[in-house]
Amino acid sequence: MKVYLIIALVGLIGCDHNTEIEYESIDSYPVAIGNEWNYTSESILKIFESESSNTIIETDSLSFSIKIKIEKDTVLNDTMNVLKFTSLVNGNKFSSSQYSFLDSVGLQSYAYSNGGSHIYAKKSSGNYVMTAFPSPEIFVPVYNTEDIFVFEPRPRLNLKFPLKRHSKWTYVFPFEPLNLQIDKEVVGYESIRIGNQTYSCYKIKWIYLENKLFDGLTIFDWVSAEGLIKRNIIYPRSRLTLGDGESIGSAQQTEIITLVGLNLF
């Protein structure tokens, strides 16, 4: 009898060990007009002594604020009902807008306008590295100094609902001239504490498929029922050269965008 009891207990322990914890799915996105999210973004630049070395000889950083607000609902192309998400950097120095809609599939981007990219300024020398401004709603690799308005070739599925463990979907489908596909995949579930508030988040990885232009670019999002809570972007390590092409080392930039406050209706 004791032998059978021990075997039964071992079996139960084994079952408990293999049972996956059930996490609550996210079924929608807060899209009320007037909803606002405030973030800080810190860009960190590391300079290495050579292309083959991991020795850091200089580090610099730049911080700025980002405010995302749902301004209004509107109609594009006379038929498409969308919500206008406006992104403001450091008050209104740089701005962009995403026109998105929420349907039974998820949160999708229909169009965007972009007033330019933010600049990573290397304070000690006055050099700079141009980087596209990645708003928390959409990553738009646009380098331009004038306002432009762009319709997506097909809507981009920012978030697929219900968002749950092991969810995976295509965010960007290939199109000419940039033959690029980006998938997104839920790779974890984490709690992030900001001030007195704890957010239960799904960790989402951006997957760039078969495109050498984006080799080495890594993006992770942490999304809760209240929206985007955090984003980490690691840009590929790049070679630094003088005007005559002489190598003077290499650099790598990391950007960390973190929620600091929100106002949801």
Protein backbone atom coordinates (compact mmCIF):
# COMPACT_ATOMS: atom_id res chain seq x y z
CA MET A 1 0.00 0.00 0.00
CA LYS A 2 2.83 2.40 0.88
CA VAL A 3 4.54 1.67 -2.45
CA TYR A 4 1.37 2.50 -4.40
CA LEU A 5 0.92 5.69 -2.36
CA ILE A 6 4.47 6.86 -3.13
CA ILE A 7 4.00 6.16 -6.84
CA ALA A 8 0.72 8.10 -6.82
CA LEU A 9 2.37 11.07 -5.09
CA VAL A 10 5.25 11.09 -7.56
CA GLY A 11 2.73 11.04 -10.39
CA LEU A 12 0.87 14.01 -8.96
CA ILE A 13 4.06 16.00 -8.47
CA GLY A 14 5.07 15.25 -12.05
CA CYS A 15 1.71 16.45 -13.37
CA ASP A 16 1.91 19.68 -11.36
CA HIS A 17 5.39 20.33 -12.67
CA ASN A 18 4.30 20.02 -16.30
CA THR A 19 1.10 22.02 -15.98
CA GLU A 20 1.35 25.41 -17.72
CA ILE A 21 0.11 28.36 -15.72
CA GLU A 22 -2.98 29.98 -17.22
CA TYR A 23 -2.55 33.70 -17.89
CA GLU A 24 -5.42 36.07 -18.54
CA SER A 25 -5.59 37.04 -22.20
CA ILE A 26 -5.89 40.64 -23.43
CA ASP A 27 -8.98 40.97 -25.58
CA SER A 28 -8.94 44.62 -26.61
CA TYR A 29 -7.09 47.94 -26.55
CA PRO A 30 -8.09 51.17 -24.74
CA VAL A 31 -9.17 53.34 -27.69
CA ALA A 32 -11.38 56.00 -26.09
CA ILE A 33 -10.85 59.49 -27.50
CA GLY A 34 -8.68 61.45 -25.09
CA ASN A 35 -6.69 58.47 -23.83
CA GLU A 36 -3.12 59.52 -23.20
CA TRP A 37 0.14 57.68 -22.48
CA ASN A 38 3.33 59.44 -21.36
CA TYR A 39 6.76 57.86 -21.75
CA THR A 40 10.41 58.59 -21.21
CA SER A 41 12.89 57.41 -23.79
CA GLU A 42 16.58 56.99 -23.05
CA SER A 43 19.00 56.48 -25.93
CA ILE A 44 22.37 55.06 -24.94
CA LEU A 45 25.31 55.11 -27.35
CA LYS A 46 28.36 52.92 -26.71
CA ILE A 47 31.60 53.53 -28.63
CA PHE A 48 33.99 50.57 -28.96
CA GLU A 49 37.72 50.95 -29.54
CA SER A 50 37.59 48.90 -32.75
CA GLU A 51 35.20 46.85 -34.87
CA SER A 52 36.51 43.61 -33.38
CA SER A 53 36.78 44.79 -29.78
CA ASN A 54 34.18 44.67 -27.01
CA THR A 55 36.03 47.29 -24.99
CA ILE A 56 33.88 50.39 -24.52
CA ILE A 57 35.89 53.61 -24.67
CA GLU A 58 33.01 56.08 -24.41
CA THR A 59 29.32 56.12 -23.45
CA ASP A 60 26.81 58.86 -24.04
CA SER A 61 23.06 59.14 -23.47
CA LEU A 62 20.12 61.32 -24.34
CA SER A 63 16.69 61.35 -22.70
CA PHE A 64 13.45 62.81 -23.97
CA SER A 65 9.71 62.55 -23.41
CA ILE A 66 7.01 61.05 -25.64
CA LYS A 67 3.28 61.68 -25.33
CA ILE A 68 0.79 59.50 -27.23
CA LYS A 69 -2.80 60.75 -27.37
CA ILE A 70 -5.91 59.59 -29.20
CA GLU A 71 -7.10 62.89 -30.57
CA LYS A 72 -10.22 62.05 -32.57
CA ASP A 73 -11.96 59.63 -34.85
CA THR A 74 -12.01 60.47 -38.52
CA VAL A 75 -12.76 59.08 -41.98
CA LEU A 76 -10.05 58.45 -44.60
CA ASN A 77 -10.68 57.72 -48.27
CA ASP A 78 -14.34 58.59 -47.61
CA THR A 79 -14.95 55.08 -46.28
CA MET A 80 -12.42 54.12 -43.59
CA ASN A 81 -13.22 54.99 -39.97
CA VAL A 82 -10.00 55.39 -38.01
CA LEU A 83 -8.65 56.83 -34.78
CA LYS A 84 -5.87 59.41 -34.86
CA PHE A 85 -3.01 58.62 -32.46
CA THR A 86 -0.69 61.64 -32.18
CA SER A 87 2.88 61.27 -30.89
CA LEU A 88 4.70 64.32 -29.52
CA VAL A 89 8.37 64.31 -28.59
CA ASN A 90 9.62 66.81 -25.99
CA GLY A 91 6.40 68.80 -26.10
CA ASN A 92 6.03 69.35 -29.83
CA LYS A 93 9.55 69.37 -31.26
CA PHE A 94 8.84 66.28 -33.36
CA SER A 95 5.44 64.80 -34.01
CA SER A 96 3.85 61.98 -35.97
CA SER A 97 0.39 60.52 -36.29
CA GLN A 98 -0.91 57.00 -36.79
CA TYR A 99 -4.42 56.35 -38.11
CA SER A 100 -5.58 53.04 -36.65
CA PHE A 101 -8.73 51.01 -36.21
CA LEU A 102 -9.82 48.27 -33.85
CA ASP A 103 -11.79 45.33 -35.26
CA SER A 104 -12.44 41.68 -34.39
CA VAL A 105 -8.90 40.76 -35.47
CA GLY A 106 -6.98 43.34 -33.48
CA LEU A 107 -5.49 46.83 -33.48
CA GLN A 108 -4.48 47.73 -37.04
CA SER A 109 -2.70 50.70 -38.63
CA TYR A 110 -4.21 52.12 -41.81
CA ALA A 111 -2.02 55.17 -42.48
CA TYR A 112 0.51 57.48 -40.86
CA SER A 113 2.03 60.93 -41.15
CA ASN A 114 5.49 61.74 -39.92
CA GLY A 115 7.18 65.08 -39.42
CA GLY A 116 10.70 63.69 -39.23
CA SER A 117 12.95 61.62 -37.03
CA HIS A 118 14.50 62.44 -33.70
CA ILE A 119 18.24 62.92 -33.55
CA TYR A 120 20.62 61.12 -31.26
CA ALA A 121 23.09 63.89 -30.37
CA LYS A 122 26.54 62.89 -29.20
CA LYS A 123 27.03 65.78 -26.84
CA SER A 124 30.80 65.60 -26.47
CA SER A 125 31.59 66.08 -30.16
CA GLY A 126 28.45 67.36 -31.83
CA ASN A 127 28.14 64.33 -34.08
CA TYR A 128 24.78 62.71 -34.50
CA VAL A 129 23.12 59.52 -35.66
CA MET A 130 19.75 59.84 -37.40
CA THR A 131 17.18 57.30 -36.26
CA ALA A 132 13.55 56.89 -37.22
CA PHE A 133 11.20 57.89 -34.42
CA PRO A 134 9.58 54.68 -33.19
CA SER A 135 6.28 55.70 -31.69
CA PRO A 136 4.71 53.13 -29.38
CA GLU A 137 2.04 52.38 -31.97
CA ILE A 138 4.09 51.78 -35.08
CA PHE A 139 7.72 51.60 -36.14
CA VAL A 140 8.05 53.72 -39.27
CA PRO A 141 11.53 53.86 -40.88
CA VAL A 142 10.98 57.30 -42.40
CA TYR A 143 13.80 59.83 -42.71
CA ASN A 144 12.26 63.08 -43.82
CA THR A 145 12.12 66.70 -42.74
CA GLU A 146 8.75 67.54 -44.25
CA ASP A 147 5.29 66.38 -43.29
CA ILE A 148 4.19 63.36 -45.32
CA PHE A 149 1.07 61.24 -45.33
CA VAL A 150 1.32 57.57 -46.25
CA PHE A 151 -1.35 54.90 -46.67
CA GLU A 152 -0.20 51.39 -45.83
CA PRO A 153 -0.19 48.94 -48.78
CA ARG A 154 -2.35 46.83 -46.47
CA PRO A 155 -3.26 47.46 -42.80
CA ARG A 156 -0.54 46.56 -40.31
CA LEU A 157 -1.73 44.29 -37.52
CA ASN A 158 -0.07 45.90 -34.49
CA LEU A 159 -1.72 43.59 -31.95
CA LYS A 160 -3.73 40.46 -32.60
CA PHE A 161 -6.53 39.72 -30.12
CA PRO A 162 -6.96 37.83 -27.98
CA LEU A 163 -3.34 38.39 -26.99
CA LYS A 164 -2.17 35.32 -25.11
CA ARG A 165 0.71 32.91 -24.57
CA HIS A 166 2.36 31.74 -27.81
CA SER A 167 0.38 34.17 -29.99
CA LYS A 168 2.12 34.89 -33.30
CA TRP A 169 1.07 36.94 -36.31
CA THR A 170 2.42 38.89 -39.29
CA TYR A 171 2.71 42.61 -38.65
CA VAL A 172 4.12 43.69 -42.04
CA PHE A 173 3.71 41.73 -45.26
CA PRO A 174 6.34 42.06 -48.02
CA PHE A 175 5.75 44.78 -50.57
CA GLU A 176 7.86 46.60 -53.14
CA PRO A 177 10.28 48.30 -53.09
CA LEU A 178 11.11 47.13 -49.54
CA ASN A 179 10.71 43.36 -49.53
CA LEU A 180 10.31 43.08 -45.79
CA GLN A 181 8.20 40.85 -43.56
CA ILE A 182 7.90 41.48 -39.84
CA ASP A 183 6.24 38.96 -37.56
CA LYS A 184 5.43 39.44 -33.89
CA GLU A 185 5.41 36.68 -31.29
CA VAL A 186 4.52 36.53 -27.59
CA VAL A 187 7.62 35.13 -25.89
CA GLY A 188 6.83 35.68 -22.21
CA TYR A 189 4.61 37.09 -19.50
CA GLU A 190 6.07 39.55 -17.00
CA SER A 191 4.96 42.03 -14.35
CA ILE A 192 6.37 45.54 -14.59
CA ARG A 193 6.08 47.88 -11.63
CA ILE A 194 6.00 51.63 -12.29
CA GLY A 195 5.52 53.79 -9.24
CA ASN A 196 2.69 52.27 -7.22
CA GLN A 197 1.19 50.44 -10.19
CA THR A 198 2.01 46.92 -11.40
CA TYR A 199 1.19 45.99 -15.00
CA SER A 200 0.78 42.39 -16.12
CA CYS A 201 2.36 42.31 -19.57
CA TYR A 202 2.83 40.00 -22.49
CA LYS A 203 6.37 40.30 -23.83
CA ILE A 204 6.33 40.52 -27.63
CA LYS A 205 9.32 40.04 -29.93
CA TRP A 206 9.55 41.62 -33.38
CA ILE A 207 10.90 39.13 -35.93
CA TYR A 208 12.46 40.50 -39.11
CA LEU A 209 12.45 37.77 -41.76
CA GLU A 210 15.14 37.35 -44.41
CA ASN A 211 16.12 40.98 -44.76
CA LYS A 212 19.78 41.92 -44.36
CA LEU A 213 18.95 45.60 -44.01
CA PHE A 214 17.65 44.91 -40.48
CA ASP A 215 20.17 42.28 -39.37
CA GLY A 216 20.97 42.81 -35.72
CA LEU A 217 17.94 44.99 -34.94
CA THR A 218 16.12 43.67 -31.86
CA ILE A 219 12.80 45.00 -30.55
CA PHE A 220 10.78 43.80 -27.56
CA ASP A 221 7.43 45.25 -26.43
CA TRP A 222 5.68 44.75 -23.10
CA VAL A 223 1.92 45.18 -23.55
CA SER A 224 -0.79 45.12 -20.88
CA ALA A 225 -4.53 45.73 -20.95
CA GLU A 226 -3.66 49.43 -20.43
CA GLY A 227 -1.52 49.61 -23.60
CA LEU A 228 2.20 49.62 -24.32
CA ILE A 229 4.16 49.71 -21.07
CA LYS A 230 7.73 49.35 -22.27
CA ARG A 231 9.79 48.95 -25.45
CA ASN A 232 13.47 48.01 -25.83
CA ILE A 233 15.24 48.61 -29.14
CA ILE A 234 18.80 47.46 -29.76
CA TYR A 235 20.20 48.78 -33.02
CA PRO A 236 22.86 46.84 -34.94
CA ARG A 237 26.45 47.62 -34.08
CA SER A 238 27.80 49.87 -36.85
CA ARG A 239 31.20 50.88 -38.14
CA LEU A 240 32.48 54.43 -37.54
CA THR A 241 34.66 55.97 -40.24
CA LEU A 242 36.37 59.24 -41.08
CA GLY A 243 35.67 61.11 -44.30
CA ASP A 244 38.36 59.16 -46.13
CA GLY A 245 36.88 55.82 -45.05
CA GLU A 246 39.38 55.10 -42.27
CA SER A 247 37.79 53.07 -39.48
CA ILE A 248 37.78 54.70 -36.05
CA GLY A 249 35.89 52.00 -34.17
CA SER A 250 32.26 50.98 -33.91
CA ALA A 251 29.14 52.01 -32.03
CA GLN A 252 25.92 50.51 -30.76
CA GLN A 253 22.75 52.32 -29.77
CA THR A 254 20.06 51.08 -27.39
CA GLU A 255 16.74 52.80 -26.77
CA ILE A 256 14.51 52.11 -23.77
CA ILE A 257 10.98 53.56 -23.83
CA THR A 258 9.12 53.31 -20.51
CA LEU A 259 5.65 54.41 -19.43
CA VAL A 260 5.64 57.07 -16.72
CA GLY A 261 1.93 57.89 -16.62
CA LEU A 262 -1.40 57.45 -18.35
CA ASN A 263 -4.91 58.83 -18.39
CA LEU A 264 -7.57 56.44 -19.70
CA PHE A 265 -11.28 57.16 -20.09
